[in-house]
Structures are given as C-alpha cells and as structure tokens.
Amino acid sequence: MKTVNVSIVTPDGPVYNSEVEMVSTKAMSGELGILPGHVPMVAPLAIGAVRLQKDGNTDLVAVSGGFLEVRPDKVTILAQTAEKANEIDIDRAIEAKKRAEERLNQHNQSHVDFKRAELALRRAMNRLNVAQFK
C-alpha cells in the first residue's frame, strides 16, 4: 500500500516522524483525511487528535493548534504542542482540566480570562481523550 511521510514538529522539537497510509485530523474548517498523493494545501489546525494509520494500527497524537502542510509525498504538522497518546501524563491532564473548570466557574471574578480558561479546558479534554487510546 502507498504511504506518505508524516512529520509532527513543535517549538520543542520533533514529536513524530513515520511513513503512514492515512492521516486524519481536525482543521479549523472541519475534518481532513489525507492519503498519499493528496493535492498540496495548507490549513490551520484546531485542538484535536491527529490519527495516523499504518499496517492496520492507528497512532494518536494530541495537538493544540498549529498548521498542516500537505504535499503529495509529505505531510508536515507544525503544532504549538503535541503529545503521543502513550506519553500523556493523565494525572497532569486531569489537574489541568480541574483548574480550567474552576476558573470557568468563577463567574463573578473580573480578573478571570474566560477565553484562556476555555482553551485550557479544551486542551486538557483533548489530551485525556487521546490518552484513552494508548
């Protein structure tokens, strides 16, 4: 079966690099499925999971935004943060989720940045969802 090289990179360095049969991810405009030979494109990514299928297995990587560049033979994901499912610290993600929920529940506090708290909650939930598929 044909494959495409996928590279997921963060400011801290490379997170994933492998040949895969299919990439599925969530862009700001909706779900994307990418196969080898896909037309070139660039898209902003939403907080979500990148699903990488190869040899009947699926690897998952939690990303918190960034950009996706597709070329016929290579997919590059430049993510703000990215973690493989088996490397996610579940306890840390649960604590982050609790902190974000507490901030969102402080309705009468003028110093709470609700947008930041909402994004933190979405990132924590994404990490927990991806970690379920270790």
Protein backbone atom coordinates (compact mmCIF):
# COMPACT_ATOMS: atom_id res chain seq x y z
CA MET A 1 0.00 0.00 0.00
CA LYS A 2 1.19 3.55 -0.72
CA THR A 3 2.42 5.68 2.16
CA VAL A 4 3.13 9.32 2.89
CA ASN A 5 5.82 10.65 5.25
CA VAL A 6 4.35 12.47 8.25
CA SER A 7 6.34 14.77 10.47
CA ILE A 8 4.86 16.44 13.57
CA VAL A 9 7.05 19.19 14.97
CA THR A 10 6.67 21.59 17.91
CA PRO A 11 8.85 24.50 19.04
CA ASP A 12 10.47 21.98 21.42
CA GLY A 13 11.43 19.64 18.59
CA PRO A 14 10.12 16.66 16.60
CA VAL A 15 7.34 14.54 18.12
CA TYR A 16 6.52 12.08 15.33
CA ASN A 17 8.10 11.05 12.04
CA SER A 18 6.96 7.98 10.10
CA GLU A 19 5.50 6.65 6.88
CA VAL A 20 1.72 6.21 7.17
CA GLU A 21 -1.15 5.16 4.92
CA MET A 22 -3.61 7.84 6.06
CA VAL A 23 -3.71 10.97 8.22
CA SER A 24 -6.93 12.24 9.79
CA THR A 25 -7.07 15.48 11.71
CA LYS A 26 -9.29 18.39 12.61
CA ALA A 27 -8.65 21.66 10.82
CA MET A 28 -10.43 24.90 11.65
CA SER A 29 -12.66 24.26 8.62
CA GLY A 30 -13.53 20.68 9.63
CA GLU A 31 -12.20 17.12 9.50
CA LEU A 32 -9.49 16.28 6.97
CA GLY A 33 -8.47 12.88 5.65
CA ILE A 34 -5.18 12.77 3.77
CA LEU A 35 -3.93 9.91 1.62
CA PRO A 36 -0.68 9.62 -0.37
CA GLY A 37 -0.81 11.83 -3.46
CA HIS A 38 -3.16 14.38 -1.85
CA VAL A 39 -3.24 17.79 -3.51
CA PRO A 40 -0.98 20.39 -1.87
CA MET A 41 -2.65 22.52 0.78
CA VAL A 42 -2.07 24.44 3.99
CA ALA A 43 -4.65 24.60 6.77
CA PRO A 44 -4.79 25.90 10.34
CA LEU A 45 -5.40 23.13 12.88
CA ALA A 46 -7.90 23.08 15.71
CA ILE A 47 -7.29 21.49 19.09
CA GLY A 48 -7.77 17.79 18.45
CA ALA A 49 -6.27 14.41 17.71
CA VAL A 50 -4.15 13.50 14.72
CA ARG A 51 -4.90 9.90 13.72
CA LEU A 52 -2.10 8.17 11.83
CA GLN A 53 -2.99 4.83 10.23
CA LYS A 54 -0.41 2.28 9.16
CA ASP A 55 -0.32 -1.50 8.94
CA GLY A 56 -3.83 -1.80 10.40
CA ASN A 57 -2.88 0.19 13.52
CA THR A 58 -3.70 3.74 14.49
CA ASP A 59 -1.34 6.06 16.36
CA LEU A 60 -2.83 9.11 18.01
CA VAL A 61 -1.15 12.42 18.75
CA ALA A 62 -2.88 15.21 20.72
CA VAL A 63 -2.20 18.63 19.17
CA SER A 64 -3.26 22.03 20.42
CA GLY A 65 -3.45 24.04 17.25
CA GLY A 66 -0.89 24.88 14.64
CA PHE A 67 -0.68 24.37 10.89
CA LEU A 68 -0.84 21.46 8.49
CA GLU A 69 1.10 21.48 5.22
CA VAL A 70 0.29 18.77 2.70
CA ARG A 71 2.40 17.84 -0.30
CA PRO A 72 1.82 14.73 -2.43
CA ASP A 73 4.62 12.81 -0.68
CA LYS A 74 4.86 14.55 2.73
CA VAL A 75 2.61 15.91 5.46
CA THR A 76 4.11 18.33 7.96
CA ILE A 77 2.28 19.42 11.09
CA LEU A 78 3.70 22.43 12.90
CA ALA A 79 1.92 22.28 16.25
CA GLN A 80 2.02 24.57 19.26
CA THR A 81 2.14 21.44 21.42
CA ALA A 82 1.88 17.75 20.56
CA GLU A 83 1.95 14.57 22.64
CA LYS A 84 1.75 10.94 21.60
CA ALA A 85 -1.06 9.03 23.33
CA ASN A 86 1.35 6.84 25.28
CA GLU A 87 3.33 9.84 26.55
CA ILE A 88 0.44 11.83 28.02
CA ASP A 89 0.59 12.29 31.79
CA ILE A 90 -3.04 11.57 32.67
CA ASP A 91 -2.79 12.91 36.23
CA ARG A 92 -1.38 16.20 34.94
CA ALA A 93 -4.15 16.44 32.32
CA ILE A 94 -6.82 15.80 34.98
CA GLU A 95 -5.36 18.55 37.18
CA ALA A 96 -5.27 20.97 34.23
CA LYS A 97 -8.92 20.15 33.49
CA LYS A 98 -9.90 20.80 37.12
CA ARG A 99 -8.05 24.15 37.19
CA ALA A 100 -9.71 25.27 33.96
CA GLU A 101 -13.16 24.25 35.21
CA GLU A 102 -12.60 26.15 38.46
CA ARG A 103 -11.64 29.29 36.54
CA LEU A 104 -14.71 28.98 34.30
CA ASN A 105 -16.96 28.62 37.35
CA GLN A 106 -15.75 31.93 38.80
CA HIS A 107 -18.50 33.95 37.09
CA ASN A 108 -18.26 36.98 39.36
CA GLN A 109 -14.48 37.37 39.14
CA SER A 110 -13.44 40.19 36.82
CA HIS A 111 -9.82 39.00 36.66
CA VAL A 112 -10.63 35.63 35.06
CA ASP A 113 -9.80 35.36 31.37
CA PHE A 114 -12.62 33.08 30.23
CA LYS A 115 -11.27 32.54 26.72
CA ARG A 116 -7.92 31.30 28.07
CA ALA A 117 -9.69 29.09 30.61
CA GLU A 118 -11.93 27.66 27.90
CA LEU A 119 -8.93 26.87 25.67
CA ALA A 120 -7.10 25.28 28.60
CA LEU A 121 -10.14 23.09 29.25
CA ARG A 122 -10.34 22.06 25.59
CA ARG A 123 -6.62 21.18 25.55
CA ALA A 124 -6.92 19.11 28.73
CA MET A 125 -10.02 17.29 27.44
CA ASN A 126 -8.24 16.55 24.15
CA ARG A 127 -5.22 15.10 25.97
CA LEU A 128 -7.49 12.91 28.13
CA ASN A 129 -9.45 11.69 25.10
CA VAL A 130 -6.28 10.80 23.20
CA ALA A 131 -4.73 9.13 26.26
CA GLN A 132 -7.64 6.67 26.37
CA PHE A 133 -6.29 5.06 23.19
CA LYS A 134 -2.80 4.15 24.45
